[in-house]
């Protein structure tokens, strides 16, 4: 699965972030609760430690989350490349990662309720 090219764009461009979040949210309609678990995992980890193993565990339990888990894993790697926890670049990138996940949760909820 190709996510690496989009990763930098997601962390730097709000429009791209929203587009990718909507695509994933649409696919994950009905899985809002599981997506929220991934969001909360990132939210509760200020240094992003143990995030990747925890989201991969969720993906193993819910196969539909595999694509999202791959995105988040690549995003975590990119955030870590940008600086160490506490640095301005790290914190800014982590905030964009959280925005992305929050948007995926919102779109998953939307598409669960309003499937056409």
N, C-alpha and C. Protein backbone atom coordinates (compact mmCIF):
# COMPACT_ATOMS: atom_id res chain seq x y z
N UNK A 1 0.83 -1.18 0.00
CA UNK A 1 0.00 0.00 0.00
C UNK A 1 0.88 1.25 0.00
N UNK A 2 0.54 2.20 -0.83
CA UNK A 2 1.36 3.40 -0.97
C UNK A 2 0.80 4.51 -0.07
N UNK A 3 1.51 4.79 1.00
CA UNK A 3 1.12 5.90 1.86
C UNK A 3 2.23 6.92 2.01
N UNK A 4 3.46 6.52 1.78
CA UNK A 4 4.60 7.38 2.09
C UNK A 4 4.56 8.73 1.37
N UNK A 5 4.15 8.76 0.11
CA UNK A 5 4.12 10.03 -0.62
C UNK A 5 3.09 10.98 -0.04
N UNK A 6 2.00 10.45 0.46
CA UNK A 6 0.93 11.27 1.01
C UNK A 6 1.19 11.71 2.45
N UNK A 7 2.07 11.02 3.13
CA UNK A 7 2.28 11.29 4.54
C UNK A 7 2.72 12.72 4.78
N UNK A 8 3.72 13.17 4.06
CA UNK A 8 4.22 14.53 4.26
C UNK A 8 3.12 15.53 3.94
N UNK A 9 2.37 15.28 2.88
CA UNK A 9 1.29 16.19 2.51
C UNK A 9 0.22 16.25 3.58
N UNK A 10 -0.12 15.13 4.19
CA UNK A 10 -1.14 15.10 5.23
C UNK A 10 -0.70 15.94 6.42
N UNK A 11 0.57 15.89 6.77
CA UNK A 11 1.06 16.64 7.92
C UNK A 11 1.29 18.11 7.62
N UNK A 12 1.31 18.48 6.35
CA UNK A 12 1.62 19.86 5.97
C UNK A 12 0.46 20.61 5.32
N UNK A 13 -0.56 19.91 4.86
CA UNK A 13 -1.62 20.53 4.07
C UNK A 13 -2.99 20.10 4.60
N UNK A 14 -3.72 21.03 5.18
CA UNK A 14 -5.00 20.70 5.78
C UNK A 14 -6.00 20.16 4.75
N UNK A 15 -5.96 20.66 3.52
CA UNK A 15 -6.87 20.17 2.48
C UNK A 15 -6.59 18.69 2.19
N UNK A 16 -5.33 18.35 2.05
CA UNK A 16 -4.95 16.95 1.79
C UNK A 16 -5.34 16.08 2.99
N UNK A 17 -5.12 16.59 4.19
CA UNK A 17 -5.49 15.88 5.40
C UNK A 17 -6.98 15.56 5.38
N UNK A 18 -7.80 16.54 5.07
CA UNK A 18 -9.25 16.33 5.05
C UNK A 18 -9.68 15.36 3.96
N UNK A 19 -9.05 15.45 2.79
CA UNK A 19 -9.39 14.54 1.68
C UNK A 19 -9.08 13.09 2.05
N UNK A 20 -7.89 12.85 2.57
CA UNK A 20 -7.49 11.50 2.94
C UNK A 20 -8.33 10.98 4.10
N UNK A 21 -8.64 11.84 5.06
CA UNK A 21 -9.47 11.44 6.19
C UNK A 21 -10.86 11.04 5.71
N UNK A 22 -11.40 11.79 4.75
CA UNK A 22 -12.74 11.45 4.25
C UNK A 22 -12.72 10.11 3.51
N UNK A 23 -11.71 9.87 2.69
CA UNK A 23 -11.61 8.59 1.99
C UNK A 23 -11.59 7.42 2.98
N UNK A 24 -10.75 7.55 3.99
CA UNK A 24 -10.65 6.47 4.99
C UNK A 24 -11.93 6.38 5.82
N UNK A 25 -12.48 7.51 6.22
CA UNK A 25 -13.70 7.51 7.01
C UNK A 25 -14.86 6.87 6.28
N UNK A 26 -14.93 7.11 4.99
CA UNK A 26 -15.99 6.51 4.18
C UNK A 26 -15.87 4.99 4.17
N UNK A 27 -14.65 4.50 4.04
CA UNK A 27 -14.41 3.05 4.06
C UNK A 27 -14.69 2.45 5.43
N UNK A 28 -14.53 3.27 6.47
CA UNK A 28 -14.64 2.76 7.85
C UNK A 28 -15.97 3.11 8.51
N UNK A 29 -16.94 3.54 7.72
CA UNK A 29 -18.27 3.80 8.27
C UNK A 29 -18.75 2.56 9.01
N UNK A 30 -19.22 2.74 10.21
CA UNK A 30 -19.62 1.60 11.03
C UNK A 30 -18.53 1.13 11.96
N UNK A 31 -17.33 1.64 11.81
CA UNK A 31 -16.19 1.26 12.66
C UNK A 31 -15.70 2.46 13.47
N UNK A 32 -16.58 3.39 13.72
CA UNK A 32 -16.19 4.61 14.44
C UNK A 32 -15.56 4.30 15.79
N UNK A 33 -16.14 3.38 16.51
CA UNK A 33 -15.62 3.04 17.85
C UNK A 33 -14.17 2.56 17.77
N UNK A 34 -13.87 1.70 16.81
CA UNK A 34 -12.52 1.17 16.66
C UNK A 34 -11.53 2.25 16.20
N UNK A 35 -12.00 3.15 15.33
CA UNK A 35 -11.15 4.26 14.89
C UNK A 35 -10.88 5.18 16.07
N UNK A 36 -11.87 5.38 16.90
CA UNK A 36 -11.71 6.23 18.08
C UNK A 36 -10.64 5.65 19.03
N UNK A 37 -10.56 4.34 19.12
CA UNK A 37 -9.54 3.71 19.96
C UNK A 37 -8.14 4.08 19.45
N UNK A 38 -7.97 4.07 18.14
CA UNK A 38 -6.67 4.46 17.56
C UNK A 38 -6.40 5.93 17.85
N UNK A 39 -7.40 6.78 17.66
CA UNK A 39 -7.25 8.21 17.97
C UNK A 39 -6.84 8.40 19.42
N UNK A 40 -7.51 7.74 20.34
CA UNK A 40 -7.21 7.88 21.76
C UNK A 40 -5.82 7.35 22.11
N UNK A 41 -5.38 6.32 21.40
CA UNK A 41 -4.03 5.80 21.62
C UNK A 41 -2.99 6.87 21.31
N UNK A 42 -3.17 7.57 20.21
CA UNK A 42 -2.23 8.64 19.84
C UNK A 42 -2.37 9.81 20.80
N UNK A 43 -3.59 10.16 21.13
CA UNK A 43 -3.86 11.29 22.02
C UNK A 43 -3.19 11.10 23.39
N UNK A 44 -3.21 9.89 23.90
CA UNK A 44 -2.66 9.60 25.23
C UNK A 44 -1.15 9.40 25.25
N UNK A 45 -0.51 9.49 24.10
CA UNK A 45 0.93 9.24 24.03
C UNK A 45 1.65 10.50 23.55
N UNK A 46 2.07 11.36 24.47
CA UNK A 46 2.71 12.61 24.07
C UNK A 46 4.00 12.42 23.28
N UNK A 47 4.70 11.31 23.51
CA UNK A 47 5.95 11.06 22.78
C UNK A 47 5.78 10.02 21.67
N UNK A 48 4.55 9.58 21.45
CA UNK A 48 4.19 8.57 20.44
C UNK A 48 4.84 7.21 20.70
N UNK A 49 5.27 6.98 21.92
CA UNK A 49 5.84 5.69 22.29
C UNK A 49 4.77 4.62 22.34
N UNK A 50 5.06 3.48 21.82
CA UNK A 50 4.19 2.30 21.80
C UNK A 50 2.92 2.49 20.97
N UNK A 51 2.83 3.56 20.22
CA UNK A 51 1.64 3.79 19.39
C UNK A 51 1.55 2.74 18.29
N UNK A 52 2.63 2.52 17.58
CA UNK A 52 2.59 1.59 16.45
C UNK A 52 2.19 0.18 16.87
N UNK A 53 2.78 -0.40 17.91
CA UNK A 53 2.34 -1.74 18.30
C UNK A 53 0.87 -1.79 18.72
N UNK A 54 0.42 -0.74 19.39
CA UNK A 54 -0.97 -0.72 19.85
C UNK A 54 -1.95 -0.62 18.70
N UNK A 55 -1.63 0.18 17.69
CA UNK A 55 -2.56 0.28 16.56
C UNK A 55 -2.50 -0.97 15.68
N UNK A 56 -1.35 -1.61 15.61
CA UNK A 56 -1.26 -2.86 14.86
C UNK A 56 -2.07 -3.96 15.56
N UNK A 57 -2.10 -3.92 16.86
CA UNK A 57 -2.93 -4.85 17.62
C UNK A 57 -4.40 -4.62 17.27
N UNK A 58 -4.82 -3.36 17.22
CA UNK A 58 -6.21 -3.07 16.84
C UNK A 58 -6.50 -3.54 15.43
N UNK A 59 -5.55 -3.36 14.52
CA UNK A 59 -5.75 -3.81 13.14
C UNK A 59 -5.84 -5.33 13.06
N UNK A 60 -5.11 -6.03 13.91
CA UNK A 60 -5.19 -7.50 13.94
C UNK A 60 -6.56 -7.95 14.44
N UNK A 61 -7.14 -7.20 15.34
CA UNK A 61 -8.47 -7.53 15.88
C UNK A 61 -9.59 -7.15 14.91
N UNK A 62 -9.36 -6.10 14.13
CA UNK A 62 -10.38 -5.59 13.21
C UNK A 62 -9.71 -5.36 11.85
N UNK A 63 -9.80 -6.33 10.98
CA UNK A 63 -9.08 -6.29 9.70
C UNK A 63 -9.38 -5.04 8.88
N UNK A 64 -10.57 -4.47 9.05
CA UNK A 64 -10.95 -3.28 8.30
C UNK A 64 -10.05 -2.08 8.63
N UNK A 65 -9.37 -2.14 9.75
CA UNK A 65 -8.51 -1.04 10.18
C UNK A 65 -7.10 -1.09 9.62
N UNK A 66 -6.78 -2.10 8.83
CA UNK A 66 -5.41 -2.28 8.35
C UNK A 66 -4.90 -1.08 7.57
N UNK A 67 -5.71 -0.55 6.67
CA UNK A 67 -5.27 0.61 5.88
C UNK A 67 -5.02 1.82 6.77
N UNK A 68 -5.93 2.08 7.71
CA UNK A 68 -5.74 3.19 8.64
C UNK A 68 -4.50 2.97 9.49
N UNK A 69 -4.29 1.75 9.96
CA UNK A 69 -3.11 1.45 10.78
C UNK A 69 -1.83 1.71 9.99
N UNK A 70 -1.81 1.37 8.72
CA UNK A 70 -0.64 1.65 7.88
C UNK A 70 -0.41 3.16 7.74
N UNK A 71 -1.48 3.91 7.53
CA UNK A 71 -1.36 5.37 7.45
C UNK A 71 -0.80 5.94 8.74
N UNK A 72 -1.39 5.54 9.85
CA UNK A 72 -0.97 6.09 11.14
C UNK A 72 0.47 5.70 11.43
N UNK A 73 0.84 4.49 11.13
CA UNK A 73 2.21 4.05 11.34
C UNK A 73 3.19 4.91 10.55
N UNK A 74 2.88 5.17 9.29
CA UNK A 74 3.73 6.01 8.45
C UNK A 74 3.74 7.45 8.97
N UNK A 75 2.60 7.94 9.43
CA UNK A 75 2.53 9.29 9.98
C UNK A 75 3.36 9.42 11.26
N UNK A 76 3.29 8.42 12.11
CA UNK A 76 4.10 8.42 13.34
C UNK A 76 5.58 8.46 12.99
N UNK A 77 5.98 7.66 12.01
CA UNK A 77 7.39 7.68 11.58
C UNK A 77 7.80 9.07 11.10
N UNK A 78 6.93 9.70 10.33
CA UNK A 78 7.24 11.03 9.80
C UNK A 78 7.30 12.08 10.92
N UNK A 79 6.38 12.02 11.87
CA UNK A 79 6.41 12.95 13.00
C UNK A 79 7.71 12.79 13.77
N UNK A 80 8.12 11.56 14.00
CA UNK A 80 9.37 11.31 14.74
C UNK A 80 10.59 11.84 13.99
N UNK A 81 10.55 11.77 12.66
CA UNK A 81 11.66 12.27 11.85
C UNK A 81 11.81 13.78 11.98
N UNK A 82 10.71 14.44 12.24
CA UNK A 82 10.68 15.91 12.25
C UNK A 82 11.23 16.52 13.53
N UNK A 83 11.42 15.74 14.55
CA UNK A 83 11.97 16.30 15.78
C UNK A 83 11.71 15.38 16.96
N UNK A 84 12.24 15.78 18.08
CA UNK A 84 12.05 14.99 19.29
C UNK A 84 10.86 15.55 20.07
N UNK A 85 10.25 14.71 20.90
CA UNK A 85 9.10 15.18 21.69
C UNK A 85 9.45 16.47 22.43
N UNK A 86 8.53 17.41 22.36
CA UNK A 86 8.74 18.71 23.00
C UNK A 86 9.20 19.78 22.02
N UNK A 87 9.82 19.36 20.91
CA UNK A 87 10.25 20.36 19.93
C UNK A 87 9.03 20.91 19.19
N UNK A 88 9.16 22.12 18.70
CA UNK A 88 8.04 22.77 18.02
C UNK A 88 7.58 21.97 16.79
N UNK A 89 8.54 21.48 16.02
CA UNK A 89 8.20 20.72 14.80
C UNK A 89 7.48 19.42 15.15
N UNK A 90 7.96 18.72 16.16
CA UNK A 90 7.32 17.47 16.60
C UNK A 90 5.89 17.75 17.04
N UNK A 91 5.73 18.75 17.90
CA UNK A 91 4.41 19.03 18.46
C UNK A 91 3.42 19.48 17.38
N UNK A 92 3.89 20.28 16.45
CA UNK A 92 3.05 20.74 15.35
C UNK A 92 2.62 19.56 14.47
N UNK A 93 3.55 18.68 14.16
CA UNK A 93 3.25 17.51 13.34
C UNK A 93 2.34 16.53 14.08
N UNK A 94 2.56 16.37 15.37
CA UNK A 94 1.71 15.49 16.17
C UNK A 94 0.28 16.03 16.20
N UNK A 95 0.15 17.34 16.28
CA UNK A 95 -1.18 17.97 16.27
C UNK A 95 -1.89 17.70 14.94
N UNK A 96 -1.16 17.75 13.83
CA UNK A 96 -1.77 17.43 12.53
C UNK A 96 -2.18 15.96 12.48
N UNK A 97 -1.38 15.07 13.04
CA UNK A 97 -1.74 13.66 13.12
C UNK A 97 -3.04 13.49 13.91
N UNK A 98 -3.15 14.19 15.03
CA UNK A 98 -4.38 14.12 15.82
C UNK A 98 -5.57 14.69 15.05
N UNK A 99 -5.35 15.78 14.32
CA UNK A 99 -6.41 16.34 13.48
C UNK A 99 -6.87 15.34 12.44
N UNK A 100 -5.91 14.66 11.82
CA UNK A 100 -6.23 13.63 10.82
C UNK A 100 -7.11 12.54 11.42
N UNK A 101 -6.70 12.04 12.57
CA UNK A 101 -7.48 10.96 13.20
C UNK A 101 -8.85 11.44 13.66
N UNK A 102 -8.91 12.65 14.17
CA UNK A 102 -10.20 13.20 14.58
C UNK A 102 -11.13 13.31 13.37
N UNK A 103 -10.59 13.71 12.23
CA UNK A 103 -11.38 13.81 11.01
C UNK A 103 -11.83 12.43 10.52
N UNK A 104 -10.98 11.43 10.63
CA UNK A 104 -11.37 10.07 10.23
C UNK A 104 -12.53 9.59 11.11
N UNK A 105 -12.43 9.83 12.41
CA UNK A 105 -13.51 9.46 13.33
C UNK A 105 -14.80 10.15 12.90
N UNK A 106 -14.73 11.43 12.63
CA UNK A 106 -15.93 12.19 12.25
C UNK A 106 -16.53 11.66 10.95
N UNK A 107 -15.69 11.41 9.96
CA UNK A 107 -16.21 10.90 8.69
C UNK A 107 -16.75 9.47 8.83
N UNK A 108 -16.11 8.65 9.64
CA UNK A 108 -16.62 7.30 9.87
C UNK A 108 -18.02 7.36 10.48
N UNK A 109 -18.20 8.27 11.41
CA UNK A 109 -19.51 8.46 12.03
C UNK A 109 -20.52 8.97 11.00
N UNK A 110 -20.12 9.95 10.22
CA UNK A 110 -20.99 10.52 9.21
C UNK A 110 -21.45 9.44 8.22
N UNK A 111 -20.51 8.70 7.69
CA UNK A 111 -20.86 7.70 6.67
C UNK A 111 -21.59 6.51 7.25
N UNK A 112 -21.44 6.27 8.53
CA UNK A 112 -22.24 5.23 9.19
C UNK A 112 -23.70 5.66 9.24
N UNK A 113 -23.94 6.91 9.55
CA UNK A 113 -25.31 7.43 9.71
C UNK A 113 -26.00 7.76 8.41
N UNK A 114 -25.22 8.15 7.39
CA UNK A 114 -25.84 8.66 6.15
C UNK A 114 -25.37 7.90 4.91
N UNK A 115 -25.33 6.60 5.02
CA UNK A 115 -24.97 5.82 3.82
C UNK A 115 -26.07 5.96 2.78
N UNK A 116 -25.63 6.07 1.54
CA UNK A 116 -26.61 6.31 0.48
C UNK A 116 -26.90 5.17 -0.37
